[in-house]
Amino acid sequence: MLFIRKTLAVSLILAVLIVLGVLGALLLGRLMPETRLQQLIMSVSAVVFSLALILAVFSFYVNHGFGYQGDIVRRVKTDEKLVAITFDDGPTQEYTPKILDVLKAYDVQASFFLVGSHVKKYPEIAKRVHSEGHDIGNHTYTHINVPTSPAAAMSSQLLTTNIEIMKITGESPIYARPPRGMYDARFRRLAELMGMQVVLWSLSSQDWRESVTPARMHSQILKRVQPGDIILLHDGGNLLKAEGASRQRTVDVLPGLIEGLREKGYRIAPLSRLLRYPHVDHIDDLEEQKPY
């Protein structure tokens, strides 16, 4: 019922935007003479409006999805002040060790969704992620674009990544996250067949955006955080590629973010603990973690 209400609300908003755009175009046509400049302005306006509409639909798809979503986890329903911090696109030689140092200093267990080719390239770093008690999930082998990938290639990406992770941990991952949060029915089915839960996120740091400063990341997360949230950060990757972007801002924000969450009374748990009790109101058997 909640999904239906959200879908109807978004559909209504999009319909209103379309109507306003059409009315605006008609009004502009009445106020301006029919010139090439007018035609150019109308064309540009139509393109801008179309792009805004596409981005709005895409944002809703990533954050809420369409249709049945029972097999996809974005957050856990709980009244307990408990959250998970997750990292995508690693391991990387430069940033993952720095992030692990911070997590170790604060005695925090997080969850890392690793790219298979990076695991093969940096096995010692992946081994450290596992040995220090963090959860490891599958993030495909080369950070593919899931919706445009052939089914056979997608299956190979997930399976090969599982093999690389098993070489390090001795265990097959039980979580999978599609790159950029873009999934389809085939990805969901393959993850299920391989015994993996699809886990997305409910709160993004937006650390992939170059314009977002550590201070802004810090304030936005602490302002919006709610019990059961799954927080998204990155220890590698790039907007369009599998790696290459600087994640120093993520390293810089992490100590203050952990301190801020604890000051607000939140405990930080890996997904294996947070998701142990999905859709319940209370989680009372986790190991004690001091909020300060």
Protein backbone atom coordinates (compact mmCIF):
# COMPACT_ATOMS: atom_id res chain seq x y z
CA MET A 1 0.00 0.00 0.00
CA LEU A 2 2.84 2.40 0.83
CA PHE A 3 4.47 1.71 -2.54
CA ILE A 4 1.17 2.36 -4.34
CA ARG A 5 0.77 5.69 -2.53
CA LYS A 6 4.33 6.71 -3.41
CA THR A 7 3.85 5.71 -7.04
CA LEU A 8 0.60 7.64 -7.31
CA ALA A 9 2.17 10.69 -5.66
CA VAL A 10 5.15 10.70 -8.02
CA SER A 11 2.89 10.10 -11.03
CA LEU A 12 0.73 13.04 -9.99
CA ILE A 13 3.75 15.29 -9.59
CA LEU A 14 5.08 14.28 -13.02
CA ALA A 15 1.66 14.87 -14.59
CA VAL A 16 1.49 18.35 -13.03
CA LEU A 17 4.98 19.14 -14.31
CA ILE A 18 4.01 18.04 -17.82
CA VAL A 19 0.86 20.18 -17.75
CA LEU A 20 2.80 23.19 -16.46
CA GLY A 21 5.41 22.69 -19.17
CA VAL A 22 2.77 22.56 -21.89
CA LEU A 23 0.95 25.61 -20.53
CA GLY A 24 4.22 27.48 -20.26
CA ALA A 25 5.07 26.64 -23.84
CA LEU A 26 1.64 27.76 -25.04
CA LEU A 27 1.91 31.00 -23.07
CA LEU A 28 5.37 31.62 -24.46
CA GLY A 29 4.04 31.05 -27.96
CA ARG A 30 1.29 33.65 -27.44
CA LEU A 31 3.61 36.26 -25.96
CA MET A 32 6.41 35.97 -28.52
CA PRO A 33 6.33 36.34 -32.28
CA GLU A 34 7.02 33.26 -34.32
CA THR A 35 10.72 33.67 -35.01
CA ARG A 36 13.70 31.37 -35.22
CA LEU A 37 14.73 32.57 -31.76
CA GLN A 38 11.37 31.49 -30.40
CA GLN A 39 11.68 28.09 -32.05
CA LEU A 40 15.17 27.71 -30.59
CA ILE A 41 13.99 28.64 -27.10
CA MET A 42 11.05 26.26 -27.37
CA SER A 43 13.31 23.42 -28.52
CA VAL A 44 15.83 24.00 -25.73
CA SER A 45 13.03 24.22 -23.16
CA ALA A 46 11.56 20.95 -24.39
CA VAL A 47 14.94 19.21 -24.13
CA VAL A 48 15.60 20.58 -20.63
CA PHE A 49 12.14 19.60 -19.45
CA SER A 50 12.50 16.11 -20.92
CA LEU A 51 15.86 15.60 -19.21
CA ALA A 52 14.42 16.79 -15.89
CA LEU A 53 11.53 14.36 -16.28
CA ILE A 54 13.90 11.48 -17.07
CA LEU A 55 16.08 12.31 -14.05
CA ALA A 56 13.02 12.45 -11.79
CA VAL A 57 11.82 9.04 -12.97
CA PHE A 58 15.35 7.58 -12.67
CA SER A 59 15.71 8.96 -9.13
CA PHE A 60 12.41 7.39 -8.11
CA TYR A 61 13.45 4.08 -9.72
CA VAL A 62 16.77 3.93 -7.85
CA ASN A 63 15.36 5.00 -4.49
CA HIS A 64 11.97 3.27 -4.57
CA GLY A 65 11.78 1.00 -7.62
CA PHE A 66 8.72 -0.06 -9.55
CA GLY A 67 6.48 -3.05 -8.95
CA TYR A 68 7.05 -5.73 -6.31
CA GLN A 69 10.13 -4.98 -4.18
CA GLY A 70 9.99 -7.66 -1.52
CA ASP A 71 13.32 -9.17 -2.57
CA ILE A 72 15.20 -5.85 -2.43
CA VAL A 73 16.39 -4.31 0.83
CA ARG A 74 16.85 -0.55 1.12
CA ARG A 75 16.46 -0.14 4.86
CA VAL A 76 15.25 -2.08 7.89
CA LYS A 77 12.08 -1.21 9.72
CA THR A 78 13.08 -0.76 13.36
CA ASP A 79 12.69 1.74 16.18
CA GLU A 80 16.22 1.03 17.35
CA LYS A 81 18.85 3.65 16.54
CA LEU A 82 20.82 1.25 14.40
CA VAL A 83 22.33 1.88 10.94
CA ALA A 84 24.71 0.22 8.49
CA ILE A 85 27.55 1.97 6.67
CA THR A 86 28.33 0.46 3.26
CA PHE A 87 31.10 1.13 0.74
CA ASP A 88 30.95 0.47 -3.01
CA ASP A 89 33.50 -0.03 -5.82
CA GLY A 90 36.57 -1.19 -3.89
CA PRO A 91 38.96 -2.40 -2.98
CA THR A 92 41.42 0.29 -4.05
CA GLN A 93 45.06 0.57 -3.15
CA GLU A 94 44.85 4.22 -2.11
CA TYR A 95 41.57 4.66 -0.26
CA THR A 96 40.36 1.31 1.11
CA PRO A 97 43.29 0.94 3.57
CA LYS A 98 42.68 4.50 4.86
CA ILE A 99 39.00 3.75 5.38
CA LEU A 100 39.85 0.48 7.13
CA ASP A 101 42.23 2.38 9.43
CA VAL A 102 39.42 4.75 10.44
CA LEU A 103 36.93 1.93 11.00
CA LYS A 104 39.46 0.05 13.10
CA ALA A 105 40.25 3.12 15.19
CA TYR A 106 36.55 3.58 15.99
CA ASP A 107 35.83 -0.15 16.38
CA VAL A 108 33.19 -0.10 13.65
CA GLN A 109 32.22 -2.98 11.38
CA ALA A 110 30.94 -1.92 7.97
CA SER A 111 29.97 -3.65 4.72
CA PHE A 112 31.95 -3.52 1.46
CA PHE A 113 30.49 -4.28 -1.96
CA LEU A 114 33.57 -5.28 -3.91
CA VAL A 115 34.24 -5.26 -7.64
CA GLY A 116 35.59 -8.69 -8.64
CA SER A 117 38.41 -7.42 -10.86
CA HIS A 118 39.58 -5.19 -8.00
CA VAL A 119 39.59 -8.16 -5.63
CA LYS A 120 41.80 -10.02 -8.09
CA LYS A 121 44.05 -6.95 -8.46
CA TYR A 122 44.31 -6.21 -4.71
CA PRO A 123 43.80 -9.55 -2.92
CA GLU A 124 45.69 -8.50 0.21
CA ILE A 125 43.43 -5.48 0.71
CA ALA A 126 40.32 -7.60 0.16
CA LYS A 127 41.72 -10.10 2.65
CA ARG A 128 42.16 -7.32 5.19
CA VAL A 129 38.53 -6.22 4.72
CA HIS A 130 37.44 -9.75 5.61
CA SER A 131 39.94 -10.35 8.43
CA GLU A 132 38.88 -7.17 10.23
CA GLY A 133 35.29 -8.35 10.47
CA HIS A 134 33.56 -6.41 7.71
CA ASP A 135 30.86 -7.90 5.51
CA ILE A 136 31.64 -8.40 1.83
CA GLY A 137 29.10 -8.25 -1.00
CA ASN A 138 29.14 -8.72 -4.77
CA HIS A 139 29.30 -5.57 -6.94
CA THR A 140 29.88 -7.37 -10.30
CA TYR A 141 33.27 -8.09 -11.86
CA THR A 142 33.86 -4.95 -13.92
CA HIS A 143 31.19 -2.56 -12.60
CA ILE A 144 28.83 -3.22 -15.49
CA ASN A 145 25.68 -1.36 -16.45
CA VAL A 146 23.14 -4.03 -15.54
CA PRO A 147 20.08 -3.04 -17.64
CA THR A 148 22.08 -3.06 -20.91
CA SER A 149 24.15 -6.18 -20.22
CA PRO A 150 23.31 -9.55 -21.84
CA ALA A 151 22.02 -12.15 -19.41
CA ALA A 152 24.97 -14.47 -19.98
CA ALA A 153 27.47 -11.68 -19.34
CA MET A 154 25.63 -10.63 -16.20
CA SER A 155 25.63 -14.17 -14.88
CA SER A 156 29.35 -14.45 -15.58
CA GLN A 157 30.01 -11.13 -13.83
CA LEU A 158 28.27 -12.23 -10.64
CA LEU A 159 29.67 -15.77 -10.64
CA THR A 160 33.27 -14.71 -11.35
CA THR A 161 33.11 -12.11 -8.59
CA ASN A 162 31.82 -14.71 -6.15
CA ILE A 163 34.73 -16.98 -7.06
CA GLU A 164 37.29 -14.21 -6.50
CA ILE A 165 35.74 -13.36 -3.14
CA MET A 166 35.62 -17.03 -2.13
CA LYS A 167 39.35 -17.31 -2.80
CA ILE A 168 39.86 -14.62 -0.14
CA THR A 169 37.19 -15.45 2.43
CA GLY A 170 36.42 -19.11 1.85
CA GLU A 171 32.74 -18.16 1.68
CA SER A 172 30.35 -17.12 -1.06
CA PRO A 173 28.86 -13.62 -0.61
CA ILE A 174 25.25 -13.46 0.52
CA TYR A 175 24.68 -9.86 -0.60
CA ALA A 176 24.71 -8.26 -4.05
CA ARG A 177 24.41 -4.64 -5.12
CA PRO A 178 24.13 -3.58 -8.78
CA PRO A 179 26.45 -0.75 -9.85
CA ARG A 180 24.80 2.68 -9.52
CA GLY A 181 21.76 0.94 -8.03
CA MET A 182 20.52 0.09 -11.54
CA TYR A 183 18.96 -3.37 -11.59
CA ASP A 184 16.41 -5.34 -13.55
CA ALA A 185 14.39 -8.54 -13.16
CA ARG A 186 17.27 -10.65 -14.55
CA PHE A 187 19.73 -9.34 -11.95
CA ARG A 188 17.27 -9.98 -9.16
CA ARG A 189 16.62 -13.53 -10.38
CA LEU A 190 20.33 -14.31 -10.80
CA ALA A 191 21.10 -12.99 -7.32
CA GLU A 192 18.36 -15.18 -5.89
CA LEU A 193 19.62 -18.27 -7.74
CA MET A 194 23.13 -17.62 -6.38
CA GLY A 195 21.84 -17.24 -2.82
CA MET A 196 22.38 -13.48 -2.58
CA GLN A 197 20.11 -10.80 -1.16
CA VAL A 198 19.93 -7.62 -3.25
CA VAL A 199 20.79 -4.70 -0.96
CA LEU A 200 20.60 -1.08 -2.06
CA TRP A 201 20.55 1.92 0.30
CA SER A 202 18.23 4.45 1.89
CA LEU A 203 20.68 7.30 2.50
CA SER A 204 23.41 8.35 0.07
CA SER A 205 26.40 10.49 0.99
CA GLN A 206 26.62 11.60 -2.66
CA ASP A 207 30.39 11.37 -2.30
CA TRP A 208 30.57 10.55 -6.02
CA ARG A 209 29.72 14.18 -6.78
CA GLU A 210 32.84 16.33 -6.99
CA SER A 211 30.93 19.39 -5.77
CA VAL A 212 29.87 17.77 -2.48
CA THR A 213 32.26 18.68 0.34
CA PRO A 214 32.90 16.54 3.45
CA ALA A 215 31.10 19.17 5.52
CA ARG A 216 28.00 18.90 3.35
CA MET A 217 28.10 15.09 3.40
CA HIS A 218 28.38 15.17 7.17
CA SER A 219 25.51 17.59 7.71
CA GLN A 220 23.14 15.99 5.20
CA ILE A 221 23.56 12.46 6.54
CA LEU A 222 23.18 13.48 10.18
CA LYS A 223 20.17 15.63 9.33
CA ARG A 224 18.36 12.87 7.44
CA VAL A 225 19.43 9.67 9.20
CA GLN A 226 16.70 7.43 10.60
CA PRO A 227 16.73 4.09 12.44
CA GLY A 228 17.38 1.20 10.07
CA ASP A 229 19.07 3.30 7.39
CA ILE A 230 21.64 1.80 5.04
CA ILE A 231 24.17 4.53 4.27
CA LEU A 232 26.04 4.58 0.97
CA LEU A 233 29.66 5.70 0.57
CA HIS A 234 32.42 4.76 -1.88
CA ASP A 235 36.00 3.59 -1.43
CA GLY A 236 36.63 3.42 -5.17
CA GLY A 237 35.02 3.73 -8.57
CA ASN A 238 34.07 6.60 -10.79
CA LEU A 239 30.80 7.97 -12.12
CA LEU A 240 31.09 6.19 -15.48
CA LYS A 241 34.07 3.86 -14.93
CA ALA A 242 35.03 1.16 -12.44
CA GLU A 243 37.81 3.20 -10.85
CA GLY A 244 39.81 6.40 -10.99
CA ALA A 245 37.91 8.95 -8.92
CA SER A 246 39.31 10.46 -5.74
CA ARG A 247 37.65 9.20 -2.55
CA GLN A 248 39.73 11.32 -0.20
CA ARG A 249 36.62 13.31 0.75
CA THR A 250 35.03 10.04 1.90
CA VAL A 251 38.11 9.29 4.00
CA ASP A 252 37.99 12.80 5.44
CA VAL A 253 34.29 12.73 6.40
CA LEU A 254 34.27 9.26 7.96
CA PRO A 255 35.66 10.04 11.46
CA GLY A 256 33.26 12.93 11.99
CA LEU A 257 30.37 10.93 10.57
CA ILE A 258 30.95 8.06 12.99
CA GLU A 259 31.29 10.47 15.90
CA GLY A 260 28.16 12.36 14.82
CA LEU A 261 26.08 9.20 14.55
CA ARG A 262 27.19 8.08 17.99
CA GLU A 263 26.47 11.48 19.49
CA LYS A 264 22.92 11.10 18.18
CA GLY A 265 22.73 7.73 19.92
CA TYR A 266 23.13 5.52 16.84
CA ARG A 267 24.92 2.20 16.77
CA ILE A 268 26.65 1.11 13.58
CA ALA A 269 26.36 -2.52 12.51
CA PRO A 270 27.34 -4.57 9.46
CA LEU A 271 24.54 -5.76 7.20
CA SER A 272 24.78 -9.28 8.60
CA ARG A 273 23.51 -7.91 11.91
CA LEU A 274 21.16 -5.21 10.68
CA LEU A 275 19.39 -7.53 8.23
CA ARG A 276 19.11 -10.37 10.69
CA TYR A 277 15.83 -8.90 11.87
CA PRO A 278 14.08 -7.38 8.85
CA HIS A 279 10.67 -5.82 9.31
CA VAL A 280 10.68 -5.92 13.11
CA ASP A 281 10.28 -3.06 15.53
CA HIS A 282 13.04 -3.88 17.98
CA ILE A 283 16.56 -5.30 17.75
CA ASP A 284 17.80 -6.12 21.20
CA ASP A 285 20.36 -8.92 20.88
CA LEU A 286 23.17 -7.12 19.08
CA GLU A 287 26.48 -6.85 20.81
CA GLU A 288 26.62 -3.68 22.85
CA GLN A 289 28.22 -0.76 21.04
CA LYS A 290 28.76 2.45 22.94
CA PRO A 291 27.07 5.45 21.30
CA TYR A 292 29.98 7.72 22.24
